[in-house]
Amino acid sequence: MIMKTAKKVLSVAWTQDAWTPKITLGRFAMPVPRLSPLPLLPASHRCYSPSPSTLFTSRGSRGFTLIEMLVVIAIIAILAGILLPVIAGAKRNAKKAVARSEMANMISAITAYESEYSRPPAAKEVENQIGDARPDFTYGTQRTPPATGPVEGGRGKTLTLIKNGGLWEGDNSVIMNIILDRNFFPNVDHARNPRRQVTFKYNEGRKGDPGLDEDGIYRDPWGHPYIITIDMNEDNKCRDAYYSPRGQQDEIPGQVIIWSLGEDGQVNTPSGQPPDNTGSNRDNILSWR
């Protein structure tokens, strides 16, 4: 016996509710929602590699303003104003140190000559005028005969005339030719240095340059001749033509003293008193101080 089942139609109402995502549980894992990937939009290359023309447009296209340029120039001028005097001062101090070293070396060489020959280095013309009135001799800025006139300073500068005031004057080439055994006056044919002793090292230079020039004049770092006073009467005191204006009262201890006119090549006008360290004397370099 066949039973027939009557068909029934059920009405279904659809809604717009969102689907709840499925959740899977892994072992020892937290619930992770399984989401569908987000759609990717096409990437614009301009977002990642900007055009070079767009880089630095804020500075490159408009440049520097006048005010900015003036500020930079002012800063440079201030720095230059601070640094230039410092650099110039350092150069002056370096030249002073060189001068002191050269003077010390000359004193050592002259002392070695006196120890070797038991007499100071000098020409016959100097020895002939040594006496009570002029016991020592200063080789200053008056040229050695037969040359005439004052010695020219560095860069053609006119120097203060330093001389003994006697019948015969000379520059320091007289001493240098002797202690360096140069075949020039007064050491022609080794007349004043027969053993040919040389204990002084020097640099050669042109006229007006530091070092020993072609005339045999030894010049300081500014190109001026060193002033050298030799103790000729061997009383271990030097009567300098400038620094001993009152004679014996102002004599300076030592067998030899050397000084430099300094950068300006000048000294103060003597006033009958020992020169002080002011005015043109401020830059003088003295071996005994």
C-alpha atoms as a PDB file:
ATOM      1  CA  MET A   1       0.000   0.000   0.000  1.00  0.00           C
ATOM      2  CA  ILE A   2       1.517   3.223  -1.158  1.00  0.00           C
ATOM      3  CA  MET A   3       1.008   6.344   0.926  1.00  0.00           C
ATOM      4  CA  LYS A   4       1.313   9.686  -0.754  1.00  0.00           C
ATOM      5  CA  THR A   5       2.637  12.756   1.094  1.00  0.00           C
ATOM      6  CA  ALA A   6       1.113  16.034   0.291  1.00  0.00           C
ATOM      7  CA  LYS A   7       3.565  18.758  -0.813  1.00  0.00           C
ATOM      8  CA  LYS A   8       3.595  21.998   1.121  1.00  0.00           C
ATOM      9  CA  VAL A   9       5.108  25.275   0.012  1.00  0.00           C
ATOM     10  CA  LEU A  10       6.942  27.253   2.699  1.00  0.00           C
ATOM     11  CA  SER A  11       7.534  30.936   2.252  1.00  0.00           C
ATOM     12  CA  VAL A  12      11.151  32.178   2.971  1.00  0.00           C
ATOM     13  CA  ALA A  13      11.916  35.808   3.724  1.00  0.00           C
ATOM     14  CA  TRP A  14      15.508  36.863   2.688  1.00  0.00           C
ATOM     15  CA  THR A  15      17.274  39.568   4.666  1.00  0.00           C
ATOM     16  CA  GLN A  16      20.476  41.770   4.015  1.00  0.00           C
ATOM     17  CA  ASP A  17      22.266  40.694   7.183  1.00  0.00           C
ATOM     18  CA  ALA A  18      26.064  40.348   6.846  1.00  0.00           C
ATOM     19  CA  TRP A  19      27.608  36.967   7.085  1.00  0.00           C
ATOM     20  CA  THR A  20      29.517  36.161  10.208  1.00  0.00           C
ATOM     21  CA  PRO A  21      33.088  35.134   9.252  1.00  0.00           C
ATOM     22  CA  LYS A  22      34.036  31.624  10.034  1.00  0.00           C
ATOM     23  CA  ILE A  23      36.556  31.125  12.806  1.00  0.00           C
ATOM     24  CA  THR A  24      38.991  28.276  12.952  1.00  0.00           C
ATOM     25  CA  LEU A  25      40.895  27.223  16.019  1.00  0.00           C
ATOM     26  CA  GLY A  26      44.421  25.937  15.700  1.00  0.00           C
ATOM     27  CA  ARG A  27      46.136  23.919  18.324  1.00  0.00           C
ATOM     28  CA  PHE A  28      47.448  26.173  21.056  1.00  0.00           C
ATOM     29  CA  ALA A  29      46.399  29.179  19.028  1.00  0.00           C
ATOM     30  CA  MET A  30      44.075  32.053  19.538  1.00  0.00           C
ATOM     31  CA  PRO A  31      41.011  32.273  17.389  1.00  0.00           C
ATOM     32  CA  VAL A  32      41.994  33.855  14.063  1.00  0.00           C
ATOM     33  CA  PRO A  33      39.336  35.269  11.836  1.00  0.00           C
ATOM     34  CA  ARG A  34      39.614  34.134   8.251  1.00  0.00           C
ATOM     35  CA  LEU A  35      39.125  37.277   6.297  1.00  0.00           C
ATOM     36  CA  SER A  36      39.077  37.705   2.606  1.00  0.00           C
ATOM     37  CA  PRO A  37      41.970  39.830   1.264  1.00  0.00           C
ATOM     38  CA  LEU A  38      41.298  43.469   0.620  1.00  0.00           C
ATOM     39  CA  PRO A  39      41.274  44.482  -2.980  1.00  0.00           C
ATOM     40  CA  LEU A  40      44.477  46.186  -4.128  1.00  0.00           C
ATOM     41  CA  LEU A  41      44.332  49.397  -6.001  1.00  0.00           C
ATOM     42  CA  PRO A  42      46.852  50.061  -8.744  1.00  0.00           C
ATOM     43  CA  ALA A  43      49.868  51.879  -7.233  1.00  0.00           C
ATOM     44  CA  SER A  44      50.917  55.191  -8.621  1.00  0.00           C
ATOM     45  CA  HIS A  45      54.694  55.399  -9.252  1.00  0.00           C
ATOM     46  CA  ARG A  46      54.635  59.017  -8.294  1.00  0.00           C
ATOM     47  CA  CYS A  47      53.954  58.070  -4.717  1.00  0.00           C
ATOM     48  CA  TYR A  48      57.216  56.158  -4.434  1.00  0.00           C
ATOM     49  CA  SER A  49      59.685  57.801  -6.845  1.00  0.00           C
ATOM     50  CA  PRO A  50      59.043  61.510  -7.074  1.00  0.00           C
ATOM     51  CA  SER A  51      60.312  63.260 -10.131  1.00  0.00           C
ATOM     52  CA  PRO A  52      63.760  64.853  -9.690  1.00  0.00           C
ATOM     53  CA  SER A  53      62.372  68.148 -10.820  1.00  0.00           C
ATOM     54  CA  THR A  54      60.105  68.198  -7.788  1.00  0.00           C
ATOM     55  CA  LEU A  55      62.979  67.655  -5.314  1.00  0.00           C
ATOM     56  CA  PHE A  56      64.457  70.713  -3.568  1.00  0.00           C
ATOM     57  CA  THR A  57      62.080  72.989  -5.359  1.00  0.00           C
ATOM     58  CA  SER A  58      61.742  75.167  -2.270  1.00  0.00           C
ATOM     59  CA  ARG A  59      65.455  76.219  -2.389  1.00  0.00           C
ATOM     60  CA  GLY A  60      66.583  75.490  -5.926  1.00  0.00           C
ATOM     61  CA  SER A  61      63.930  77.493  -7.676  1.00  0.00           C
ATOM     62  CA  ARG A  62      64.037  80.632  -5.542  1.00  0.00           C
ATOM     63  CA  GLY A  63      67.812  80.716  -4.530  1.00  0.00           C
ATOM     64  CA  PHE A  64      69.208  82.910  -1.727  1.00  0.00           C
ATOM     65  CA  THR A  65      67.657  86.149  -0.704  1.00  0.00           C
ATOM     66  CA  LEU A  66      69.679  89.345  -0.399  1.00  0.00           C
ATOM     67  CA  ILE A  67      69.324  89.309   3.367  1.00  0.00           C
ATOM     68  CA  GLU A  68      70.679  85.756   3.571  1.00  0.00           C
ATOM     69  CA  MET A  69      73.655  86.715   1.429  1.00  0.00           C
ATOM     70  CA  LEU A  70      74.391  89.747   3.607  1.00  0.00           C
ATOM     71  CA  VAL A  71      74.239  87.613   6.752  1.00  0.00           C
ATOM     72  CA  VAL A  72      76.720  85.100   5.289  1.00  0.00           C
ATOM     73  CA  ILE A  73      79.094  87.892   4.235  1.00  0.00           C
ATOM     74  CA  ALA A  74      78.877  89.472   7.687  1.00  0.00           C
ATOM     75  CA  ILE A  75      79.701  86.151   9.373  1.00  0.00           C
ATOM     76  CA  ILE A  76      82.715  85.627   7.094  1.00  0.00           C
ATOM     77  CA  ALA A  77      83.938  89.162   7.798  1.00  0.00           C
ATOM     78  CA  ILE A  78      83.646  88.644  11.564  1.00  0.00           C
ATOM     79  CA  LEU A  79      85.556  85.352  11.423  1.00  0.00           C
ATOM     80  CA  ALA A  80      88.268  86.918   9.264  1.00  0.00           C
ATOM     81  CA  GLY A  81      88.568  89.831  11.682  1.00  0.00           C
ATOM     82  CA  ILE A  82      89.082  87.392  14.544  1.00  0.00           C
ATOM     83  CA  LEU A  83      91.443  84.958  12.807  1.00  0.00           C
ATOM     84  CA  LEU A  84      93.738  87.282  10.845  1.00  0.00           C
ATOM     85  CA  PRO A  85      95.241  89.053  13.897  1.00  0.00           C
ATOM     86  CA  VAL A  86      95.759  85.678  15.577  1.00  0.00           C
ATOM     87  CA  ILE A  87      97.576  84.301  12.523  1.00  0.00           C
ATOM     88  CA  ALA A  88      99.683  87.459  12.181  1.00  0.00           C
ATOM     89  CA  GLY A  89     100.617  87.299  15.879  1.00  0.00           C
ATOM     90  CA  ALA A  90     101.622  83.652  15.553  1.00  0.00           C
ATOM     91  CA  LYS A  91     103.882  84.497  12.596  1.00  0.00           C
ATOM     92  CA  ARG A  92     105.546  87.331  14.526  1.00  0.00           C
ATOM     93  CA  ASN A  93     106.172  85.076  17.514  1.00  0.00           C
ATOM     94  CA  ALA A  94     107.643  82.399  15.245  1.00  0.00           C
ATOM     95  CA  LYS A  95     110.047  84.936  13.694  1.00  0.00           C
ATOM     96  CA  LYS A  96     111.075  86.153  17.129  1.00  0.00           C
ATOM     97  CA  ALA A  97     111.853  82.580  18.159  1.00  0.00           C
ATOM     98  CA  VAL A  98     113.961  82.101  15.008  1.00  0.00           C
ATOM     99  CA  ALA A  99     115.845  85.347  15.717  1.00  0.00           C
ATOM    100  CA  ARG A 100     116.648  84.302  19.283  1.00  0.00           C
ATOM    101  CA  SER A 101     117.870  80.915  18.088  1.00  0.00           C
ATOM    102  CA  GLU A 102     120.106  82.473  15.434  1.00  0.00           C
ATOM    103  CA  MET A 103     121.547  84.983  17.898  1.00  0.00           C
ATOM    104  CA  ALA A 104     122.350  82.205  20.365  1.00  0.00           C
ATOM    105  CA  ASN A 105     124.094  80.219  17.618  1.00  0.00           C
ATOM    106  CA  MET A 106     126.147  83.270  16.585  1.00  0.00           C
ATOM    107  CA  ILE A 107     127.217  83.904  20.168  1.00  0.00           C
ATOM    108  CA  SER A 108     128.324  80.280  20.478  1.00  0.00           C
ATOM    109  CA  ALA A 109     130.320  80.494  17.218  1.00  0.00           C
ATOM    110  CA  ILE A 110     132.024  83.760  18.211  1.00  0.00           C
ATOM    111  CA  THR A 111     132.850  82.369  21.666  1.00  0.00           C
ATOM    112  CA  ALA A 112     134.294  79.234  20.065  1.00  0.00           C
ATOM    113  CA  TYR A 113     136.481  81.404  17.819  1.00  0.00           C
ATOM    114  CA  GLU A 114     137.790  83.362  20.815  1.00  0.00           C
ATOM    115  CA  SER A 115     138.550  80.113  22.641  1.00  0.00           C
ATOM    116  CA  GLU A 116     140.445  78.818  19.600  1.00  0.00           C
ATOM    117  CA  TYR A 117     142.521  81.941  18.857  1.00  0.00           C
ATOM    118  CA  SER A 118     142.491  83.750  22.230  1.00  0.00           C
ATOM    119  CA  ARG A 119     141.229  86.907  20.532  1.00  0.00           C
ATOM    120  CA  PRO A 120     137.874  88.187  19.288  1.00  0.00           C
ATOM    121  CA  PRO A 121     137.077  88.102  15.551  1.00  0.00           C
ATOM    122  CA  ALA A 122     137.860  91.543  14.142  1.00  0.00           C
ATOM    123  CA  ALA A 123     139.578  93.398  11.323  1.00  0.00           C
ATOM    124  CA  LYS A 124     142.834  95.284  11.770  1.00  0.00           C
ATOM    125  CA  GLU A 125     140.889  98.516  11.209  1.00  0.00           C
ATOM    126  CA  VAL A 126     138.795  97.726  14.275  1.00  0.00           C
ATOM    127  CA  GLU A 127     141.727  96.746  16.471  1.00  0.00           C
ATOM    128  CA  ASN A 128     143.575  99.956  15.585  1.00  0.00           C
ATOM    129  CA  GLN A 129     140.875 102.216  17.032  1.00  0.00           C
ATOM    130  CA  ILE A 130     140.238 100.346  20.276  1.00  0.00           C
ATOM    131  CA  GLY A 131     141.187 102.368  23.347  1.00  0.00           C
ATOM    132  CA  ASP A 132     139.795 103.824  26.555  1.00  0.00           C
ATOM    133  CA  ALA A 133     137.324 106.031  24.698  1.00  0.00           C
ATOM    134  CA  ARG A 134     136.135 103.163  22.475  1.00  0.00           C
ATOM    135  CA  PRO A 135     136.924  99.862  24.243  1.00  0.00           C
ATOM    136  CA  ASP A 136     134.451  97.748  22.244  1.00  0.00           C
ATOM    137  CA  PHE A 137     133.049  97.742  18.719  1.00  0.00           C
ATOM    138  CA  THR A 138     129.493  97.572  17.361  1.00  0.00           C
ATOM    139  CA  TYR A 139     128.874  96.203  13.875  1.00  0.00           C
ATOM    140  CA  GLY A 140     125.769  98.169  12.985  1.00  0.00           C
ATOM    141  CA  THR A 141     123.922  99.398   9.898  1.00  0.00           C
ATOM    142  CA  GLN A 142     126.776 101.372   8.316  1.00  0.00           C
ATOM    143  CA  ARG A 143     128.277  99.437   5.400  1.00  0.00           C
ATOM    144  CA  THR A 144     131.812  98.067   5.570  1.00  0.00           C
ATOM    145  CA  PRO A 145     134.316 100.007   3.378  1.00  0.00           C
ATOM    146  CA  PRO A 146     134.941 100.309   0.508  1.00  0.00           C
ATOM    147  CA  ALA A 147     131.137 100.270   0.312  1.00  0.00           C
ATOM    148  CA  THR A 148     129.503 103.464   1.525  1.00  0.00           C
ATOM    149  CA  GLY A 149     126.171 104.457   3.022  1.00  0.00           C
ATOM    150  CA  PRO A 150     123.760 102.568   5.268  1.00  0.00           C
ATOM    151  CA  VAL A 151     122.860  98.910   4.883  1.00  0.00           C
ATOM    152  CA  GLU A 152     119.504  98.438   3.200  1.00  0.00           C
ATOM    153  CA  GLY A 153     116.881  96.623   5.252  1.00  0.00           C
ATOM    154  CA  GLY A 154     114.501  93.872   4.253  1.00  0.00           C
ATOM    155  CA  ARG A 155     112.205  94.729   1.318  1.00  0.00           C
ATOM    156  CA  GLY A 156     114.228  97.888   0.735  1.00  0.00           C
ATOM    157  CA  LYS A 157     113.309  99.380   4.112  1.00  0.00           C
ATOM    158  CA  THR A 158     115.383 102.296   5.387  1.00  0.00           C
ATOM    159  CA  LEU A 159     116.905 101.373   8.745  1.00  0.00           C
ATOM    160  CA  THR A 160     117.910 103.515  11.695  1.00  0.00           C
ATOM    161  CA  LEU A 161     121.630 104.218  11.380  1.00  0.00           C
ATOM    162  CA  ILE A 162     123.597 102.407  14.092  1.00  0.00           C
ATOM    163  CA  LYS A 163     127.337 103.186  14.170  1.00  0.00           C
ATOM    164  CA  ASN A 164     130.166 103.771  16.631  1.00  0.00           C
ATOM    165  CA  GLY A 165     130.919 107.354  15.640  1.00  0.00           C
ATOM    166  CA  GLY A 166     134.574 106.588  14.952  1.00  0.00           C
ATOM    167  CA  LEU A 167     136.796 106.894  11.897  1.00  0.00           C
ATOM    168  CA  TRP A 168     135.969 103.393  10.687  1.00  0.00           C
ATOM    169  CA  GLU A 169     132.567 101.694  10.656  1.00  0.00           C
ATOM    170  CA  GLY A 170     131.457  98.262   9.550  1.00  0.00           C
ATOM    171  CA  ASP A 171     128.531  95.845   9.345  1.00  0.00           C
ATOM    172  CA  ASN A 172     128.417  92.262  10.611  1.00  0.00           C
ATOM    173  CA  SER A 173     129.945  90.876   7.379  1.00  0.00           C
ATOM    174  CA  VAL A 174     133.348  91.480   9.028  1.00  0.00           C
ATOM    175  CA  ILE A 175     132.535  88.904  11.712  1.00  0.00           C
ATOM    176  CA  MET A 176     130.699  86.477   9.421  1.00  0.00           C
ATOM    177  CA  ASN A 177     133.571  86.320   6.904  1.00  0.00           C
ATOM    178  CA  ILE A 178     135.927  85.390   9.748  1.00  0.00           C
ATOM    179  CA  ILE A 179     133.893  82.788  11.655  1.00  0.00           C
ATOM    180  CA  LEU A 180     132.627  81.204   8.389  1.00  0.00           C
ATOM    181  CA  ASP A 181     136.136  81.287   6.863  1.00  0.00           C
ATOM    182  CA  ARG A 182     134.926  83.094   3.737  1.00  0.00           C
ATOM    183  CA  ASN A 183     137.631  84.388   1.415  1.00  0.00           C
ATOM    184  CA  PHE A 184     136.554  88.010   1.756  1.00  0.00           C
ATOM    185  CA  PHE A 185     137.694  91.014   3.800  1.00  0.00           C
ATOM    186  CA  PRO A 186     139.158  90.738   6.374  1.00  0.00           C
ATOM    187  CA  ASN A 187     139.756  86.995   5.932  1.00  0.00           C
ATOM    188  CA  VAL A 188     141.326  86.929   2.470  1.00  0.00           C
ATOM    189  CA  ASP A 189     143.568  83.845   2.212  1.00  0.00           C
ATOM    190  CA  HIS A 190     142.343  82.770   5.683  1.00  0.00           C
ATOM    191  CA  ALA A 191     144.206  85.666   7.286  1.00  0.00           C
ATOM    192  CA  ARG A 192     141.875  85.813  10.313  1.00  0.00           C
ATOM    193  CA  ASN A 193     140.954  82.126  10.471  1.00  0.00           C
ATOM    194  CA  PRO A 194     144.120  80.205   9.520  1.00  0.00           C
ATOM    195  CA  ARG A 195     142.863  76.955  11.056  1.00  0.00           C
ATOM    196  CA  ARG A 196     139.699  77.279   8.965  1.00  0.00           C
ATOM    197  CA  GLN A 197     137.442  76.640  11.907  1.00  0.00           C
ATOM    198  CA  VAL A 198     133.714  76.856  11.129  1.00  0.00           C
ATOM    199  CA  THR A 199     131.187  76.168  13.896  1.00  0.00           C
ATOM    200  CA  PHE A 200     128.174  78.084  12.591  1.00  0.00           C
ATOM    201  CA  LYS A 201     125.419  76.806  10.286  1.00  0.00           C
ATOM    202  CA  TYR A 202     123.496  79.307   8.192  1.00  0.00           C
ATOM    203  CA  ASN A 203     121.085  79.689   5.300  1.00  0.00           C
ATOM    204  CA  GLU A 204     121.995  81.709   2.239  1.00  0.00           C
ATOM    205  CA  GLY A 205     119.635  84.392   0.996  1.00  0.00           C
ATOM    206  CA  ARG A 206     119.427  87.249  -1.442  1.00  0.00           C
ATOM    207  CA  LYS A 207     119.958  90.851  -0.425  1.00  0.00           C
ATOM    208  CA  GLY A 208     117.128  91.867   1.875  1.00  0.00           C
ATOM    209  CA  ASP A 209     116.127  88.260   2.616  1.00  0.00           C
ATOM    210  CA  PRO A 210     116.730  86.384   5.889  1.00  0.00           C
ATOM    211  CA  GLY A 211     120.047  84.556   6.121  1.00  0.00           C
ATOM    212  CA  LEU A 212     123.513  85.317   4.784  1.00  0.00           C
ATOM    213  CA  ASP A 213     123.315  87.521   1.673  1.00  0.00           C
ATOM    214  CA  GLU A 214     125.861  87.801  -1.149  1.00  0.00           C
ATOM    215  CA  ASP A 215     127.684  90.607   0.702  1.00  0.00           C
ATOM    216  CA  GLY A 216     128.247  88.382   3.732  1.00  0.00           C
ATOM    217  CA  ILE A 217     125.742  90.306   5.887  1.00  0.00           C
ATOM    218  CA  TYR A 218     123.759  88.067   8.211  1.00  0.00           C
ATOM    219  CA  ARG A 219     120.123  89.161   8.352  1.00  0.00           C
ATOM    220  CA  ASP A 220     117.288  88.478  10.785  1.00  0.00           C
ATOM    221  CA  PRO A 221     113.895  86.956   9.827  1.00  0.00           C
ATOM    222  CA  TRP A 222     112.736  90.393   8.597  1.00  0.00           C
ATOM    223  CA  GLY A 223     115.779  90.839   6.367  1.00  0.00           C
ATOM    224  CA  HIS A 224     117.531  93.408   8.596  1.00  0.00           C
ATOM    225  CA  PRO A 225     121.202  92.993   9.633  1.00  0.00           C
ATOM    226  CA  TYR A 226     121.884  91.752  13.131  1.00  0.00           C
ATOM    227  CA  ILE A 227     123.639  94.307  15.342  1.00  0.00           C
ATOM    228  CA  ILE A 228     126.678  92.701  17.002  1.00  0.00           C
ATOM    229  CA  THR A 229     128.872  94.219  19.710  1.00  0.00           C
ATOM    230  CA  ILE A 230     132.166  92.509  20.571  1.00  0.00           C
ATOM    231  CA  ASP A 231     134.052  92.935  23.845  1.00  0.00           C
ATOM    232  CA  MET A 232     137.405  94.072  22.409  1.00  0.00           C
ATOM    233  CA  ASN A 233     139.231  94.992  25.640  1.00  0.00           C
ATOM    234  CA  GLU A 234     138.307  91.617  27.166  1.00  0.00           C
ATOM    235  CA  ASP A 235     136.754  92.915  30.385  1.00  0.00           C
ATOM    236  CA  ASN A 236     133.684  90.696  29.796  1.00  0.00           C
ATOM    237  CA  LYS A 237     131.498  93.787  29.201  1.00  0.00           C
ATOM    238  CA  CYS A 238     130.117  95.197  25.975  1.00  0.00           C
ATOM    239  CA  ARG A 239     129.658  98.896  25.310  1.00  0.00           C
ATOM    240  CA  ASP A 240     126.990  98.925  22.603  1.00  0.00           C
ATOM    241  CA  ALA A 241     126.757 101.868  20.194  1.00  0.00           C
ATOM    242  CA  TYR A 242     123.027 102.250  20.918  1.00  0.00           C
ATOM    243  CA  TYR A 243     122.185 100.526  24.204  1.00  0.00           C
ATOM    244  CA  SER A 244     125.114 102.086  26.110  1.00  0.00           C
ATOM    245  CA  PRO A 245     124.563 105.829  25.586  1.00  0.00           C
ATOM    246  CA  ARG A 246     126.367 106.817  28.825  1.00  0.00           C
ATOM    247  CA  GLY A 247     129.426 104.706  28.159  1.00  0.00           C
ATOM    248  CA  GLN A 248     130.806 102.564  30.965  1.00  0.00           C
ATOM    249  CA  GLN A 249     127.729 103.171  33.100  1.00  0.00           C
ATOM    250  CA  ASP A 250     125.527 101.310  30.604  1.00  0.00           C
ATOM    251  CA  GLU A 251     127.859  98.486  29.606  1.00  0.00           C
ATOM    252  CA  ILE A 252     126.205  95.082  29.218  1.00  0.00           C
ATOM    253  CA  PRO A 253     127.830  91.926  30.662  1.00  0.00           C
ATOM    254  CA  GLY A 254     129.172  89.388  28.175  1.00  0.00           C
ATOM    255  CA  GLN A 255     131.870  88.765  25.584  1.00  0.00           C
ATOM    256  CA  VAL A 256     129.406  89.417  22.791  1.00  0.00           C
ATOM    257  CA  ILE A 257     125.847  90.779  22.598  1.00  0.00           C
ATOM    258  CA  ILE A 258     123.523  90.687  19.599  1.00  0.00           C
ATOM    259  CA  TRP A 259     120.219  92.395  18.927  1.00  0.00           C
ATOM    260  CA  SER A 260     117.697  92.808  16.139  1.00  0.00           C
ATOM    261  CA  LEU A 261     115.919  95.956  15.008  1.00  0.00           C
ATOM    262  CA  GLY A 262     112.710  93.936  14.838  1.00  0.00           C
ATOM    263  CA  GLU A 263     110.014  94.112  12.214  1.00  0.00           C
ATOM    264  CA  ASP A 264     109.998  97.916  11.837  1.00  0.00           C
ATOM    265  CA  GLY A 265     113.786  98.250  11.459  1.00  0.00           C
ATOM    266  CA  GLN A 266     113.765 101.314  13.705  1.00  0.00           C
ATOM    267  CA  VAL A 267     114.857 102.408  17.174  1.00  0.00           C
ATOM    268  CA  ASN A 268     113.912 105.441  19.272  1.00  0.00           C
ATOM    269  CA  THR A 269     116.058 108.543  19.100  1.00  0.00           C
ATOM    270  CA  PRO A 270     118.587 108.383  22.000  1.00  0.00           C
ATOM    271  CA  SER A 271     117.903 110.861  24.783  1.00  0.00           C
ATOM    272  CA  GLY A 272     121.065 110.386  26.845  1.00  0.00           C
ATOM    273  CA  GLN A 273     119.380 107.660  28.891  1.00  0.00           C
ATOM    274  CA  PRO A 274     119.377 103.872  28.324  1.00  0.00           C
ATOM    275  CA  PRO A 275     116.731 102.995  25.709  1.00  0.00           C
ATOM    276  CA  ASP A 276     113.478 101.635  27.081  1.00  0.00           C
ATOM    277  CA  ASN A 277     111.085  99.126  25.591  1.00  0.00           C
ATOM    278  CA  THR A 278     108.606 101.611  24.135  1.00  0.00           C
ATOM    279  CA  GLY A 279     107.857 103.059  20.710  1.00  0.00           C
ATOM    280  CA  SER A 280     110.124 101.745  17.964  1.00  0.00           C
ATOM    281  CA  ASN A 281     112.038  99.693  20.533  1.00  0.00           C
ATOM    282  CA  ARG A 282     109.015  97.612  21.430  1.00  0.00           C
ATOM    283  CA  ASP A 283     109.781  94.952  18.804  1.00  0.00           C
ATOM    284  CA  ASN A 284     113.570  94.894  19.296  1.00  0.00           C
ATOM    285  CA  ILE A 285     114.951  91.467  20.177  1.00  0.00           C
ATOM    286  CA  LEU A 286     117.887  91.472  22.603  1.00  0.00           C
ATOM    287  CA  SER A 287     120.168  88.522  23.311  1.00  0.00           C
ATOM    288  CA  TRP A 288     120.754  89.611  26.927  1.00  0.00           C
ATOM    289  CA  ARG A 289     117.079  89.852  27.952  1.00  0.00           C
END
